[in-house]
Amino acid sequence: MTSYTVATAKHASLATSAADSVTFTANPGQVEVLVRGGTGPIYFRTDGVAPVVGGDDTYIATFGVPVYAPLDLSDTVQMVAAAAADYSVTGF
């Protein structure tokens, strides 16, 4: 798992079947996840539980459509995808 710590935003690439986590130091109440490129969706969770591709209780972000989610119980977004994807995660 690749882990990042940022104040308000992270822009990176998610490798195939490898998880990324983005932890916010600014304690946002909500995040936006945007897939900027790639061939498939990103599955993510905001409650401290590791997501799985196609798993229950995950949010799904697809290319070009921002998904907004509350940060539940942690200040970390955890993501995984079946195919490589470029993403942006912004907290606010």
N, C-alpha and C. Protein backbone atom coordinates (compact mmCIF):
# COMPACT_ATOMS: atom_id res chain seq x y z
N MET A 1 0.85 -1.17 0.00
CA MET A 1 0.00 0.00 0.00
C MET A 1 0.89 1.24 0.00
N THR A 2 0.55 2.16 -0.87
CA THR A 2 1.23 3.45 -0.88
C THR A 2 0.41 4.42 -0.04
N SER A 3 1.07 5.07 0.90
CA SER A 3 0.39 6.00 1.80
C SER A 3 0.91 7.41 1.60
N TYR A 4 -0.02 8.36 1.59
CA TYR A 4 0.31 9.77 1.45
C TYR A 4 -0.32 10.54 2.59
N THR A 5 0.33 11.62 3.02
CA THR A 5 -0.23 12.53 4.00
C THR A 5 -0.21 13.93 3.39
N VAL A 6 -1.37 14.57 3.32
CA VAL A 6 -1.50 15.88 2.70
C VAL A 6 -2.40 16.76 3.55
N ALA A 7 -2.35 18.06 3.27
CA ALA A 7 -3.25 18.99 3.97
C ALA A 7 -4.63 19.00 3.33
N THR A 8 -4.69 19.19 1.98
CA THR A 8 -6.00 19.33 1.35
C THR A 8 -6.22 18.54 0.07
N ALA A 9 -5.15 18.12 -0.64
CA ALA A 9 -5.38 17.42 -1.91
C ALA A 9 -4.19 16.54 -2.29
N LYS A 10 -4.49 15.43 -2.98
CA LYS A 10 -3.47 14.54 -3.51
C LYS A 10 -3.84 14.17 -4.93
N HIS A 11 -2.87 14.22 -5.82
CA HIS A 11 -3.03 13.84 -7.22
C HIS A 11 -1.98 12.79 -7.50
N ALA A 12 -2.40 11.58 -7.87
CA ALA A 12 -1.45 10.48 -8.03
C ALA A 12 -2.01 9.43 -8.99
N SER A 13 -1.24 8.37 -9.15
CA SER A 13 -1.65 7.23 -9.97
C SER A 13 -1.78 6.01 -9.08
N LEU A 14 -2.85 5.28 -9.28
CA LEU A 14 -3.12 4.06 -8.53
C LEU A 14 -2.75 2.88 -9.42
N ALA A 15 -1.86 2.02 -8.93
CA ALA A 15 -1.44 0.86 -9.71
C ALA A 15 -2.51 -0.23 -9.67
N THR A 16 -2.49 -1.10 -10.65
CA THR A 16 -3.45 -2.20 -10.73
C THR A 16 -3.39 -3.06 -9.47
N SER A 17 -4.53 -3.25 -8.86
CA SER A 17 -4.72 -4.10 -7.67
C SER A 17 -3.85 -3.71 -6.48
N ALA A 18 -3.30 -2.51 -6.48
CA ALA A 18 -2.52 -2.02 -5.33
C ALA A 18 -3.31 -0.92 -4.65
N ALA A 19 -3.31 -0.92 -3.34
CA ALA A 19 -4.09 0.06 -2.59
C ALA A 19 -3.28 1.32 -2.34
N ASP A 20 -3.96 2.45 -2.29
CA ASP A 20 -3.40 3.73 -1.87
C ASP A 20 -4.23 4.23 -0.70
N SER A 21 -3.58 4.97 0.17
CA SER A 21 -4.32 5.66 1.22
C SER A 21 -3.84 7.11 1.27
N VAL A 22 -4.79 8.01 1.48
CA VAL A 22 -4.51 9.44 1.58
C VAL A 22 -5.06 9.91 2.92
N THR A 23 -4.16 10.39 3.77
CA THR A 23 -4.55 10.90 5.08
C THR A 23 -4.44 12.42 5.07
N PHE A 24 -5.47 13.08 5.57
CA PHE A 24 -5.54 14.53 5.59
C PHE A 24 -5.15 15.07 6.97
N THR A 25 -4.26 16.05 6.99
CA THR A 25 -3.88 16.68 8.25
C THR A 25 -4.82 17.83 8.62
N ALA A 26 -5.57 18.33 7.63
CA ALA A 26 -6.47 19.46 7.87
C ALA A 26 -7.84 19.04 8.39
N ASN A 27 -8.04 17.74 8.61
CA ASN A 27 -9.30 17.22 9.16
C ASN A 27 -10.55 17.66 8.42
N PRO A 28 -10.64 17.41 7.11
CA PRO A 28 -11.85 17.79 6.38
C PRO A 28 -13.02 16.89 6.78
N GLY A 29 -14.21 17.39 6.61
CA GLY A 29 -15.39 16.59 6.92
C GLY A 29 -15.88 15.79 5.73
N GLN A 30 -15.42 16.17 4.54
CA GLN A 30 -15.89 15.53 3.31
C GLN A 30 -14.73 15.49 2.31
N VAL A 31 -14.78 14.50 1.41
CA VAL A 31 -13.77 14.40 0.36
C VAL A 31 -14.44 14.26 -1.00
N GLU A 32 -13.69 14.66 -2.02
CA GLU A 32 -14.08 14.43 -3.40
C GLU A 32 -13.03 13.52 -4.02
N VAL A 33 -13.47 12.44 -4.66
CA VAL A 33 -12.56 11.55 -5.38
C VAL A 33 -12.92 11.65 -6.86
N LEU A 34 -11.91 11.92 -7.68
CA LEU A 34 -12.09 12.08 -9.11
C LEU A 34 -11.09 11.20 -9.84
N VAL A 35 -11.58 10.35 -10.74
CA VAL A 35 -10.72 9.54 -11.60
C VAL A 35 -10.40 10.39 -12.83
N ARG A 36 -9.13 10.72 -13.02
CA ARG A 36 -8.71 11.59 -14.12
C ARG A 36 -8.27 10.82 -15.35
N GLY A 37 -8.03 9.53 -15.23
CA GLY A 37 -7.61 8.72 -16.36
C GLY A 37 -7.53 7.26 -15.93
N GLY A 38 -7.62 6.38 -16.90
CA GLY A 38 -7.57 4.95 -16.62
C GLY A 38 -8.70 4.23 -17.31
N THR A 39 -8.78 2.94 -17.08
CA THR A 39 -9.77 2.13 -17.80
C THR A 39 -10.88 1.59 -16.92
N GLY A 40 -10.82 1.84 -15.64
CA GLY A 40 -11.86 1.31 -14.78
C GLY A 40 -12.10 2.18 -13.57
N PRO A 41 -13.06 1.82 -12.75
CA PRO A 41 -13.40 2.62 -11.58
C PRO A 41 -12.42 2.41 -10.42
N ILE A 42 -12.47 3.33 -9.48
CA ILE A 42 -11.75 3.20 -8.22
C ILE A 42 -12.79 2.95 -7.13
N TYR A 43 -12.52 1.97 -6.30
CA TYR A 43 -13.37 1.66 -5.15
C TYR A 43 -12.69 2.26 -3.93
N PHE A 44 -13.47 2.98 -3.09
CA PHE A 44 -12.83 3.60 -1.94
C PHE A 44 -13.74 3.60 -0.73
N ARG A 45 -13.09 3.71 0.43
CA ARG A 45 -13.79 3.79 1.71
C ARG A 45 -13.21 4.93 2.52
N THR A 46 -14.03 5.46 3.41
CA THR A 46 -13.61 6.58 4.25
C THR A 46 -13.79 6.28 5.73
N ASP A 47 -14.01 5.01 6.06
CA ASP A 47 -14.32 4.63 7.44
C ASP A 47 -13.21 3.85 8.13
N GLY A 48 -12.01 3.82 7.53
CA GLY A 48 -10.89 3.11 8.14
C GLY A 48 -10.79 1.65 7.74
N VAL A 49 -11.72 1.15 6.96
CA VAL A 49 -11.72 -0.24 6.50
C VAL A 49 -11.13 -0.30 5.09
N ALA A 50 -10.28 -1.27 4.85
CA ALA A 50 -9.65 -1.41 3.53
C ALA A 50 -10.69 -1.83 2.49
N PRO A 51 -10.75 -1.13 1.35
CA PRO A 51 -11.71 -1.50 0.30
C PRO A 51 -11.21 -2.68 -0.52
N VAL A 52 -12.16 -3.35 -1.17
CA VAL A 52 -11.83 -4.39 -2.15
C VAL A 52 -12.57 -4.06 -3.43
N VAL A 53 -12.01 -4.48 -4.55
CA VAL A 53 -12.64 -4.24 -5.85
C VAL A 53 -14.00 -4.91 -5.87
N GLY A 54 -15.03 -4.13 -6.14
CA GLY A 54 -16.39 -4.66 -6.21
C GLY A 54 -16.99 -5.01 -4.86
N GLY A 55 -16.35 -4.57 -3.79
CA GLY A 55 -16.80 -4.93 -2.45
C GLY A 55 -18.00 -4.15 -1.98
N ASP A 56 -18.72 -4.75 -1.06
CA ASP A 56 -19.86 -4.08 -0.43
C ASP A 56 -19.37 -2.89 0.39
N ASP A 57 -20.24 -1.94 0.58
CA ASP A 57 -19.99 -0.77 1.42
C ASP A 57 -18.83 0.09 0.93
N THR A 58 -18.54 0.05 -0.37
CA THR A 58 -17.53 0.93 -0.94
C THR A 58 -18.20 1.99 -1.80
N TYR A 59 -17.56 3.14 -1.90
CA TYR A 59 -17.96 4.15 -2.87
C TYR A 59 -17.25 3.80 -4.18
N ILE A 60 -17.84 4.17 -5.31
CA ILE A 60 -17.25 3.89 -6.62
C ILE A 60 -17.10 5.20 -7.38
N ALA A 61 -15.86 5.50 -7.79
CA ALA A 61 -15.59 6.68 -8.61
C ALA A 61 -15.22 6.21 -10.00
N THR A 62 -15.88 6.78 -11.01
CA THR A 62 -15.59 6.44 -12.40
C THR A 62 -15.01 7.65 -13.11
N PHE A 63 -14.47 7.44 -14.28
CA PHE A 63 -13.76 8.49 -15.01
C PHE A 63 -14.60 9.75 -15.17
N GLY A 64 -14.04 10.88 -14.74
CA GLY A 64 -14.63 12.18 -15.00
C GLY A 64 -15.82 12.59 -14.15
N VAL A 65 -16.28 11.73 -13.26
CA VAL A 65 -17.45 12.05 -12.43
C VAL A 65 -17.00 12.12 -10.97
N PRO A 66 -16.97 13.29 -10.37
CA PRO A 66 -16.53 13.37 -8.97
C PRO A 66 -17.52 12.71 -8.04
N VAL A 67 -17.00 12.04 -7.02
CA VAL A 67 -17.82 11.40 -6.00
C VAL A 67 -17.48 12.06 -4.67
N TYR A 68 -18.50 12.48 -3.95
CA TYR A 68 -18.32 13.13 -2.66
C TYR A 68 -18.71 12.14 -1.56
N ALA A 69 -17.92 12.12 -0.50
CA ALA A 69 -18.20 11.20 0.60
C ALA A 69 -17.76 11.83 1.91
N PRO A 70 -18.47 11.54 3.00
CA PRO A 70 -18.04 12.03 4.30
C PRO A 70 -16.83 11.23 4.77
N LEU A 71 -15.97 11.84 5.54
CA LEU A 71 -14.88 11.11 6.18
C LEU A 71 -15.41 10.57 7.49
N ASP A 72 -15.64 9.28 7.56
CA ASP A 72 -16.22 8.63 8.72
C ASP A 72 -15.15 7.99 9.59
N LEU A 73 -15.07 8.38 10.81
CA LEU A 73 -14.24 7.73 11.82
C LEU A 73 -12.74 7.88 11.62
N SER A 74 -12.29 8.43 10.51
CA SER A 74 -10.86 8.64 10.31
C SER A 74 -10.68 9.81 9.35
N ASP A 75 -9.45 10.22 9.16
CA ASP A 75 -9.15 11.27 8.20
C ASP A 75 -8.45 10.68 6.98
N THR A 76 -8.75 9.41 6.68
CA THR A 76 -8.06 8.69 5.61
C THR A 76 -9.03 8.14 4.59
N VAL A 77 -8.67 8.29 3.33
CA VAL A 77 -9.38 7.66 2.21
C VAL A 77 -8.51 6.50 1.74
N GLN A 78 -9.08 5.31 1.65
CA GLN A 78 -8.36 4.14 1.14
C GLN A 78 -8.99 3.73 -0.18
N MET A 79 -8.13 3.48 -1.20
CA MET A 79 -8.61 3.22 -2.56
C MET A 79 -7.95 1.98 -3.14
N VAL A 80 -8.69 1.32 -4.06
CA VAL A 80 -8.15 0.19 -4.81
C VAL A 80 -8.88 0.14 -6.14
N ALA A 81 -8.22 -0.40 -7.17
CA ALA A 81 -8.83 -0.52 -8.50
C ALA A 81 -8.33 -1.78 -9.18
N ALA A 82 -9.12 -2.32 -10.08
CA ALA A 82 -8.73 -3.51 -10.84
C ALA A 82 -7.78 -3.15 -11.98
N ALA A 83 -7.75 -1.88 -12.38
CA ALA A 83 -6.87 -1.40 -13.44
C ALA A 83 -6.24 -0.08 -13.00
N ALA A 84 -5.09 0.23 -13.55
CA ALA A 84 -4.40 1.47 -13.19
C ALA A 84 -5.29 2.68 -13.46
N ALA A 85 -5.18 3.68 -12.59
CA ALA A 85 -6.00 4.88 -12.74
C ALA A 85 -5.29 6.08 -12.14
N ASP A 86 -5.46 7.24 -12.76
CA ASP A 86 -4.98 8.51 -12.21
C ASP A 86 -6.13 9.11 -11.43
N TYR A 87 -5.83 9.65 -10.25
CA TYR A 87 -6.91 10.18 -9.42
C TYR A 87 -6.50 11.48 -8.73
N SER A 88 -7.52 12.17 -8.25
CA SER A 88 -7.36 13.32 -7.37
C SER A 88 -8.30 13.13 -6.20
N VAL A 89 -7.79 13.37 -4.99
CA VAL A 89 -8.61 13.33 -3.78
C VAL A 89 -8.45 14.68 -3.12
N THR A 90 -9.57 15.34 -2.88
CA THR A 90 -9.57 16.68 -2.29
C THR A 90 -10.46 16.68 -1.05
N GLY A 91 -9.94 17.22 0.02
CA GLY A 91 -10.74 17.34 1.24
C GLY A 91 -11.23 18.75 1.43
N PHE A 92 -12.46 18.86 1.97
CA PHE A 92 -13.01 20.19 2.25
C PHE A 92 -14.07 20.09 3.32
